[in-house]
Amino acid sequence: MTAQAPIIGIVRHRLTTDGDGVTTLVAFHTCTLQCNYCLNPQSLVKPENYPVYTPQKLYDEVAIDNIYFLATGGGITFGGGEPCLRSDFIVQFHEICGPQWNLSIETALNVPQRHIEQLLPVIHHWIIDIKDMNPDIYHNYTGKNNDRVVENLKFLANNRLQEHCIVRVPLIPGYNTADDCNRSIVQLKELGFTHFDQFTYKASIDKATS
């Protein structure tokens, strides 16, 4: 059965932000989290507000940049929302675009492991936002627990994909501290991860404490 998915945005000609070479960001609707500083809150509103794509329709739209992808080693970065929820769609898209495009994914990893297993053969780069490894901090910020995140990190590590992962470890004003971030990195290093993206969320502390 052909997969379909609502897409909240397609952004072309991105450099150095979410994958090698020239990339196009494809942002899916729907997320498993309720983060207080959500970057794309439109992913949480009614999906009928956004166009529905099939993998073929998406390919037809993004193939205009095929020459840039091939010349720079770029391709498509799937974001959201939570793109891992669209694993069927991404696998079918890969069958259409072929192995010459690099496919990356920006994910919080808080999804059933079957999605990660399905994506393993087709994703070249994993950009993972773990929020914080501390379960209490994570729950306070996202409204969810991080059991699945930890399980999926271990699954990627067991498949020796650490070199293909960048783990984002944000300092979240009002929720965690620099020491919390360092503790997260220690835990991640114990799993073999070595590539980290540390930054501070630009957000109002008043929102976090209200």
Protein backbone atom coordinates (compact mmCIF):
# COMPACT_ATOMS: atom_id res chain seq x y z
CA MET A 1 0.00 0.00 0.00
CA THR A 2 1.31 3.41 -0.95
CA ALA A 3 2.11 5.51 2.12
CA GLN A 4 0.71 9.01 2.53
CA ALA A 5 1.65 11.75 4.98
CA PRO A 6 0.80 15.40 5.68
CA ILE A 7 3.83 17.65 5.28
CA ILE A 8 4.13 21.00 7.05
CA GLY A 9 6.99 22.33 4.96
CA ILE A 10 9.70 21.72 2.36
CA VAL A 11 12.82 23.89 2.55
CA ARG A 12 15.40 23.70 -0.26
CA HIS A 13 19.10 24.54 -0.55
CA ARG A 14 20.16 24.07 3.06
CA LEU A 15 23.89 23.91 3.81
CA THR A 16 25.78 22.57 6.86
CA THR A 17 22.67 22.52 9.08
CA ASP A 18 21.25 19.02 8.72
CA GLY A 19 23.43 16.73 6.70
CA ASP A 20 26.27 16.72 4.18
CA GLY A 21 26.19 18.85 1.06
CA VAL A 22 23.08 20.59 -0.23
CA THR A 23 19.99 19.25 1.47
CA THR A 24 16.24 19.71 1.33
CA LEU A 25 14.39 19.57 4.63
CA VAL A 26 11.03 17.78 4.54
CA ALA A 27 9.02 18.31 7.72
CA PHE A 28 6.28 15.83 8.53
CA HIS A 29 3.20 16.53 10.61
CA THR A 30 2.64 14.75 13.97
CA CYS A 31 4.89 14.34 17.00
CA THR A 32 4.97 12.06 20.03
CA LEU A 33 6.07 14.86 22.39
CA GLN A 34 4.63 18.06 23.83
CA CYS A 35 7.83 20.08 24.29
CA ASN A 36 7.44 23.43 25.98
CA TYR A 37 9.73 25.14 23.45
CA CYS A 38 8.49 23.36 20.35
CA LEU A 39 10.29 24.56 17.24
CA ASN A 40 7.45 23.52 14.91
CA PRO A 41 4.16 23.74 16.84
CA GLN A 42 2.32 23.55 13.52
CA SER A 43 3.16 19.84 13.59
CA LEU A 44 0.66 19.47 16.44
CA VAL A 45 -2.39 21.19 14.95
CA LYS A 46 -5.01 19.46 12.82
CA PRO A 47 -3.26 17.65 9.95
CA GLU A 48 -5.95 18.60 7.42
CA ASN A 49 -4.39 22.07 7.38
CA TYR A 50 -1.47 20.68 5.37
CA PRO A 51 -1.06 18.97 1.99
CA VAL A 52 -0.88 15.20 1.90
CA TYR A 53 1.96 13.66 -0.11
CA THR A 54 2.77 10.24 -1.43
CA PRO A 55 6.45 9.30 -1.77
CA GLN A 56 6.17 9.73 -5.55
CA LYS A 57 4.62 13.18 -5.23
CA LEU A 58 7.39 14.25 -2.87
CA TYR A 59 10.06 12.88 -5.18
CA ASP A 60 8.58 14.75 -8.14
CA GLU A 61 8.78 17.98 -6.16
CA VAL A 62 12.28 17.65 -4.72
CA ALA A 63 13.97 16.04 -7.75
CA ILE A 64 14.52 19.53 -9.16
CA ASP A 65 17.67 19.63 -6.98
CA ASN A 66 19.00 16.24 -8.06
CA ILE A 67 22.12 17.80 -9.63
CA TYR A 68 22.98 19.56 -6.35
CA PHE A 69 22.49 16.39 -4.33
CA LEU A 70 24.72 14.35 -6.63
CA ALA A 71 27.43 17.02 -6.87
CA THR A 72 27.70 17.66 -3.12
CA GLY A 73 26.77 14.34 -1.55
CA GLY A 74 23.57 15.85 -0.24
CA GLY A 75 19.98 14.74 -0.30
CA ILE A 76 16.88 14.82 1.86
CA THR A 77 16.64 15.44 5.58
CA PHE A 78 13.39 14.34 7.15
CA GLY A 79 12.21 16.35 10.13
CA GLY A 80 8.97 17.23 11.81
CA GLY A 81 7.24 16.67 14.02
CA GLU A 82 8.63 13.19 14.47
CA PRO A 83 9.68 11.75 11.09
CA CYS A 84 10.37 8.26 12.41
CA LEU A 85 6.61 7.82 12.66
CA ARG A 86 6.62 7.95 8.84
CA SER A 87 8.99 5.02 8.40
CA ASP A 88 6.81 3.37 5.73
CA PHE A 89 6.78 6.61 3.73
CA ILE A 90 10.56 7.08 3.99
CA VAL A 91 11.31 3.50 2.95
CA GLN A 92 9.06 3.85 -0.10
CA PHE A 93 10.67 7.20 -0.92
CA HIS A 94 14.10 5.57 -0.79
CA GLU A 95 12.93 2.95 -3.28
CA ILE A 96 12.06 5.77 -5.68
CA CYS A 97 15.07 8.08 -5.23
CA GLY A 98 17.60 5.26 -5.10
CA PRO A 99 20.87 5.02 -3.14
CA GLN A 100 22.51 8.05 -4.79
CA TRP A 101 20.79 10.51 -2.44
CA ASN A 102 21.82 10.63 1.20
CA LEU A 103 18.83 10.46 3.52
CA SER A 104 19.14 12.00 6.97
CA ILE A 105 16.64 12.20 9.79
CA GLU A 106 16.13 14.67 12.66
CA THR A 107 14.47 12.71 15.43
CA ALA A 108 13.79 12.63 19.15
CA LEU A 109 13.81 8.79 18.96
CA ASN A 110 10.73 8.55 21.19
CA VAL A 111 8.98 6.03 18.96
CA PRO A 112 8.42 2.25 18.96
CA GLN A 113 11.63 0.48 17.98
CA ARG A 114 10.02 -1.13 14.94
CA HIS A 115 10.24 2.25 13.19
CA ILE A 116 13.97 2.47 13.84
CA GLU A 117 14.47 -1.10 12.62
CA GLN A 118 12.61 -0.29 9.41
CA LEU A 119 14.67 2.86 8.80
CA LEU A 120 18.05 1.32 9.57
CA PRO A 121 18.84 0.26 5.97
CA VAL A 122 17.87 3.58 4.35
CA ILE A 123 19.03 6.38 6.69
CA HIS A 124 22.61 7.58 6.28
CA HIS A 125 22.76 10.16 9.08
CA TRP A 126 20.85 10.34 12.37
CA ILE A 127 20.50 13.75 14.02
CA ILE A 128 19.10 12.96 17.46
CA ASP A 129 17.69 15.47 19.94
CA ILE A 130 17.69 13.67 23.29
CA LYS A 131 16.53 16.76 25.27
CA ASP A 132 18.13 15.38 28.46
CA MET A 133 19.04 11.87 29.57
CA ASN A 134 17.70 12.50 33.07
CA PRO A 135 14.19 10.96 33.05
CA ASP A 136 12.73 13.56 35.43
CA ILE A 137 14.05 16.51 33.42
CA TYR A 138 12.90 14.86 30.21
CA HIS A 139 9.38 14.28 31.52
CA ASN A 140 9.14 17.81 32.93
CA TYR A 141 10.07 19.27 29.55
CA THR A 142 8.27 16.94 27.11
CA GLY A 143 5.41 15.50 29.16
CA LYS A 144 6.64 12.00 28.27
CA ASN A 145 9.10 9.47 29.65
CA ASN A 146 12.34 8.70 27.83
CA ASP A 147 12.41 4.90 28.11
CA ARG A 148 12.01 4.49 24.35
CA VAL A 149 14.71 7.07 23.68
CA VAL A 150 17.22 5.13 25.75
CA GLU A 151 16.17 1.82 24.19
CA ASN A 152 16.56 3.23 20.68
CA LEU A 153 19.94 4.78 21.47
CA LYS A 154 21.11 1.37 22.67
CA PHE A 155 19.69 -0.23 19.52
CA LEU A 156 21.63 2.17 17.28
CA ALA A 157 24.75 1.59 19.36
CA ASN A 158 24.35 -2.19 19.16
CA ASN A 159 24.20 -1.82 15.39
CA ARG A 160 27.46 0.19 15.53
CA LEU A 161 25.95 3.32 14.04
CA GLN A 162 27.51 5.81 16.46
CA GLU A 163 29.68 7.33 13.73
CA HIS A 164 26.55 8.06 11.73
CA CYS A 165 24.86 9.90 14.60
CA ILE A 166 25.02 13.46 15.86
CA VAL A 167 23.40 13.76 19.28
CA ARG A 168 22.01 17.15 20.21
CA VAL A 169 22.38 17.93 23.91
CA PRO A 170 20.61 21.25 24.51
CA LEU A 171 20.77 23.52 27.51
CA ILE A 172 17.09 24.23 28.10
CA PRO A 173 16.49 27.41 30.16
CA GLY A 174 14.37 26.69 33.19
CA TYR A 175 14.66 22.91 32.82
CA ASN A 176 18.26 21.74 32.95
CA THR A 177 21.76 23.04 33.68
CA ALA A 178 25.19 22.80 32.12
CA ASP A 179 26.01 20.08 34.63
CA ASP A 180 22.91 18.13 33.52
CA CYS A 181 24.11 18.38 29.91
CA ASN A 182 27.54 17.11 30.88
CA ARG A 183 25.98 14.17 32.70
CA SER A 184 23.96 13.36 29.59
CA ILE A 185 27.12 13.38 27.48
CA VAL A 186 28.86 11.03 29.91
CA GLN A 187 25.98 8.54 29.56
CA LEU A 188 26.02 8.87 25.78
CA LYS A 189 29.78 8.32 25.62
CA GLU A 190 29.30 5.12 27.62
CA LEU A 191 27.15 3.94 24.69
CA GLY A 192 29.91 4.85 22.24
CA PHE A 193 28.51 8.11 20.86
CA THR A 194 31.16 10.72 20.12
CA HIS A 195 29.54 13.42 17.98
CA PHE A 196 27.59 16.00 19.95
CA ASP A 197 25.87 19.27 19.17
CA GLN A 198 25.67 21.45 22.28
CA PHE A 199 23.66 24.65 22.22
CA THR A 200 21.21 26.70 24.26
CA TYR A 201 17.53 26.95 23.43
CA LYS A 202 16.55 30.55 22.82
CA ALA A 203 13.43 30.65 24.94
CA SER A 204 11.78 32.71 27.64
CA ILE A 205 12.44 31.40 31.15
CA ASP A 206 9.13 32.95 32.13
CA LYS A 207 7.38 30.39 29.92
CA ALA A 208 9.21 27.55 31.60
CA THR A 209 8.30 28.66 35.10
CA SER A 210 4.75 29.88 34.49
